[in-house]
Amino acid sequence: MRNLVTYFLVVFLNLLVFPQNLKGIKKVDNILNIKVKDIDGKVVNLSDYKDKVLLIVNVASYCGYTKQYSGLQNLYETFKEQGFEILAFPCNQFGNQEPGSNEDIKNFCSSKYKVTFRLFDKIDVNGKNKSPLYEILTDNPITGKSEIRWNFEKFLIGRNGKIIKRFPSAKDPLDDELINLIRLELKKS
């Protein structure tokens, strides 16, 4: 028993000291095992979205890209009946552009932009308190490994929960490339 404990301790310490040894470990590119909280504090299993095409976006109320809420709402209304959902995650890590409470955010989105897609609890998308969802979104074989650069970065997720593509903040939600990829994913069963 003592030899087994020693073996595992050596392996664990080796991985801590030499993290490059983790290269052979497969990175996850599927989000369906993640749990998150919605804007009202209710726990949501992302597996509930199996068979839906998702666009996951980190959002902020006081950003130069905030006007993208209109395009996101338009996109949602256009494709929701076909199995498309938008999951918006408020984040205050970029220029203090989302300082309000969840209630403030919810009121802002519904009154100013008439948002009807799902809003979630304010989270961190970078750093030591990064959401487990964003751990997967920003470190996987599809999008590579890089931090979120600003508000309104977008991730397209297929019906099977796998990451399809990452779009920068400046990519308008109504851009032809994004719309065409959504259409393509919606055709898959």
Protein backbone atom coordinates (compact mmCIF):
# COMPACT_ATOMS: atom_id res chain seq x y z
CA MET A 1 0.00 0.00 0.00
CA ARG A 2 2.82 2.37 0.93
CA ASN A 3 4.44 1.86 -2.52
CA LEU A 4 1.15 2.69 -4.25
CA VAL A 5 0.74 5.92 -2.28
CA THR A 6 4.35 6.85 -3.02
CA TYR A 7 3.83 6.16 -6.72
CA PHE A 8 0.77 8.41 -6.95
CA LEU A 9 2.48 11.12 -4.94
CA VAL A 10 5.47 11.06 -7.32
CA VAL A 11 3.18 11.19 -10.39
CA PHE A 12 1.19 14.09 -8.90
CA LEU A 13 4.31 16.07 -7.99
CA ASN A 14 5.80 15.36 -11.42
CA LEU A 15 2.75 16.90 -13.09
CA LEU A 16 2.93 19.95 -10.82
CA VAL A 17 6.61 20.54 -11.49
CA PHE A 18 6.52 19.54 -15.17
CA PRO A 19 3.08 20.55 -16.51
CA GLN A 20 4.26 19.88 -20.05
CA ASN A 21 3.72 16.20 -19.17
CA LEU A 22 0.00 16.93 -19.40
CA LYS A 23 0.32 17.29 -23.20
CA GLY A 24 -0.90 13.76 -23.77
CA ILE A 25 -4.12 14.38 -21.83
CA LYS A 26 -7.04 15.07 -24.14
CA LYS A 27 -8.64 18.49 -23.69
CA VAL A 28 -12.39 18.70 -23.46
CA ASP A 29 -14.32 20.36 -26.28
CA ASN A 30 -17.82 19.55 -25.01
CA ILE A 31 -19.81 21.74 -22.61
CA LEU A 32 -22.74 19.45 -21.80
CA ASN A 33 -21.36 18.30 -18.43
CA ILE A 34 -21.19 21.84 -17.04
CA LYS A 35 -23.64 23.38 -14.57
CA VAL A 36 -24.16 27.15 -14.43
CA LYS A 37 -26.54 29.54 -12.67
CA ASP A 38 -29.04 31.64 -14.55
CA ILE A 39 -29.53 35.31 -13.76
CA ASP A 40 -32.09 34.40 -11.07
CA GLY A 41 -29.67 32.04 -9.32
CA LYS A 42 -31.27 28.80 -10.57
CA VAL A 43 -28.82 25.99 -11.38
CA VAL A 44 -28.94 25.02 -15.05
CA ASN A 45 -27.43 21.85 -16.49
CA LEU A 46 -26.07 22.63 -19.93
CA SER A 47 -27.06 19.07 -20.85
CA ASP A 48 -30.60 20.53 -20.97
CA TYR A 49 -29.45 22.17 -24.22
CA LYS A 50 -28.48 18.89 -25.90
CA ASP A 51 -29.82 18.91 -29.47
CA LYS A 52 -29.82 22.74 -29.56
CA VAL A 53 -27.36 24.94 -31.43
CA LEU A 54 -25.97 27.52 -29.00
CA LEU A 55 -24.25 30.85 -29.19
CA ILE A 56 -22.50 31.61 -25.90
CA VAL A 57 -21.55 35.26 -25.37
CA ASN A 58 -19.91 37.18 -22.53
CA VAL A 59 -21.87 40.44 -22.30
CA ALA A 60 -21.71 43.86 -20.64
CA SER A 61 -24.19 46.72 -20.35
CA TYR A 62 -21.79 49.65 -20.77
CA CYS A 63 -19.49 48.59 -23.60
CA GLY A 64 -18.98 49.86 -27.12
CA TYR A 65 -20.32 46.48 -28.25
CA THR A 66 -23.46 46.58 -26.07
CA LYS A 67 -25.51 47.51 -29.12
CA GLN A 68 -24.88 43.91 -30.26
CA TYR A 69 -27.75 42.94 -27.96
CA SER A 70 -30.06 44.09 -30.80
CA GLY A 71 -28.36 41.81 -33.31
CA LEU A 72 -28.30 38.93 -30.85
CA GLN A 73 -32.04 39.35 -30.20
CA ASN A 74 -32.70 39.45 -33.95
CA LEU A 75 -30.62 36.30 -34.44
CA TYR A 76 -32.48 34.58 -31.61
CA GLU A 77 -35.91 35.48 -32.99
CA THR A 78 -34.89 34.31 -36.47
CA PHE A 79 -33.65 30.85 -35.44
CA LYS A 80 -35.18 29.94 -32.06
CA GLU A 81 -37.99 27.85 -33.60
CA GLN A 82 -35.35 25.76 -35.35
CA GLY A 83 -33.54 24.83 -32.14
CA PHE A 84 -31.21 27.80 -31.61
CA GLU A 85 -30.47 29.37 -28.21
CA ILE A 86 -28.30 32.24 -27.03
CA LEU A 87 -26.72 31.98 -23.58
CA ALA A 88 -25.49 35.37 -22.35
CA PHE A 89 -23.04 35.56 -19.45
CA PRO A 90 -22.52 39.03 -17.98
CA CYS A 91 -18.93 39.78 -17.00
CA ASN A 92 -17.34 42.79 -15.32
CA GLN A 93 -13.69 41.97 -16.08
CA PHE A 94 -13.22 44.45 -18.93
CA GLY A 95 -13.16 48.12 -18.03
CA ASN A 96 -15.78 47.76 -15.25
CA GLN A 97 -18.47 47.74 -17.97
CA GLU A 98 -20.90 45.44 -16.14
CA PRO A 99 -20.93 46.83 -12.57
CA GLY A 100 -24.60 46.22 -11.77
CA SER A 101 -26.33 43.39 -9.94
CA ASN A 102 -28.01 40.53 -11.79
CA GLU A 103 -31.33 42.32 -11.28
CA ASP A 104 -29.90 45.53 -12.79
CA ILE A 105 -28.58 43.58 -15.78
CA LYS A 106 -31.89 41.79 -16.31
CA ASN A 107 -33.83 45.06 -16.18
CA PHE A 108 -31.39 46.80 -18.53
CA CYS A 109 -31.53 44.00 -21.12
CA SER A 110 -35.31 43.69 -21.10
CA SER A 111 -36.11 47.41 -21.08
CA LYS A 112 -33.42 48.73 -23.44
CA TYR A 113 -32.99 45.80 -25.87
CA LYS A 114 -36.13 43.68 -25.30
CA VAL A 115 -33.90 40.62 -24.76
CA THR A 116 -35.82 37.34 -24.52
CA PHE A 117 -32.88 34.91 -24.78
CA ARG A 118 -31.50 33.47 -21.56
CA LEU A 119 -29.28 35.54 -19.29
CA PHE A 120 -27.01 33.95 -16.71
CA ASP A 121 -25.28 34.83 -13.48
CA LYS A 122 -22.42 37.32 -13.72
CA ILE A 123 -19.15 35.37 -13.99
CA ASP A 124 -15.42 35.69 -14.53
CA VAL A 125 -14.26 34.54 -17.96
CA ASN A 126 -10.52 34.92 -17.23
CA GLY A 127 -8.21 34.53 -14.26
CA LYS A 128 -8.17 32.40 -11.15
CA ASN A 129 -11.97 32.53 -10.70
CA LYS A 130 -12.72 31.67 -14.33
CA SER A 131 -16.02 29.87 -14.81
CA PRO A 132 -15.63 26.14 -15.59
CA LEU A 133 -17.61 26.79 -18.77
CA TYR A 134 -15.03 29.33 -19.92
CA GLU A 135 -12.21 26.97 -18.91
CA ILE A 136 -13.50 24.69 -21.67
CA LEU A 137 -14.35 27.45 -24.16
CA THR A 138 -10.89 29.01 -23.97
CA ASP A 139 -8.76 25.84 -23.83
CA ASN A 140 -9.76 23.14 -26.29
CA PRO A 141 -8.63 21.56 -29.57
CA ILE A 142 -11.01 23.71 -31.66
CA THR A 143 -10.35 27.25 -30.42
CA GLY A 144 -6.94 26.65 -28.90
CA LYS A 145 -5.84 28.22 -25.66
CA SER A 146 -6.30 31.95 -25.26
CA GLU A 147 -8.03 34.21 -22.81
CA ILE A 148 -11.15 36.22 -23.58
CA ARG A 149 -9.96 39.57 -24.89
CA TRP A 150 -13.09 41.69 -24.39
CA ASN A 151 -16.86 41.70 -23.99
CA PHE A 152 -19.08 40.04 -26.61
CA GLU A 153 -16.76 37.24 -27.71
CA LYS A 154 -18.95 34.50 -29.16
CA PHE A 155 -18.73 30.70 -29.22
CA LEU A 156 -20.87 28.61 -31.53
CA ILE A 157 -21.76 25.21 -30.06
CA GLY A 158 -23.22 22.30 -32.03
CA ARG A 159 -26.23 20.17 -31.07
CA ASN A 160 -23.87 17.63 -29.49
CA GLY A 161 -22.35 20.21 -27.12
CA LYS A 162 -19.10 20.45 -29.04
CA ILE A 163 -17.45 23.76 -29.81
CA ILE A 164 -17.67 24.73 -33.48
CA LYS A 165 -16.03 28.15 -33.69
CA ARG A 166 -14.98 31.21 -31.71
CA PHE A 167 -15.75 34.73 -32.93
CA PRO A 168 -14.10 37.95 -31.72
CA SER A 169 -16.01 40.77 -30.06
CA ALA A 170 -16.08 42.87 -33.23
CA LYS A 171 -17.90 40.12 -35.17
CA ASP A 172 -21.44 41.42 -35.60
CA PRO A 173 -24.09 38.84 -34.61
CA LEU A 174 -25.73 39.35 -38.02
CA ASP A 175 -22.51 38.73 -39.96
CA ASP A 176 -23.01 36.36 -42.91
CA GLU A 177 -20.27 33.98 -41.74
CA LEU A 178 -21.91 33.52 -38.34
CA ILE A 179 -25.42 33.20 -39.79
CA ASN A 180 -24.28 30.66 -42.38
CA LEU A 181 -22.56 28.54 -39.72
CA ILE A 182 -25.70 28.64 -37.55
CA ARG A 183 -27.82 27.52 -40.51
CA LEU A 184 -25.37 24.72 -41.27
CA GLU A 185 -25.43 23.49 -37.66
CA LEU A 186 -29.22 23.70 -37.46
CA LYS A 187 -29.48 21.37 -40.48
CA LYS A 188 -27.54 18.67 -38.63
CA SER A 189 -29.53 16.24 -36.52
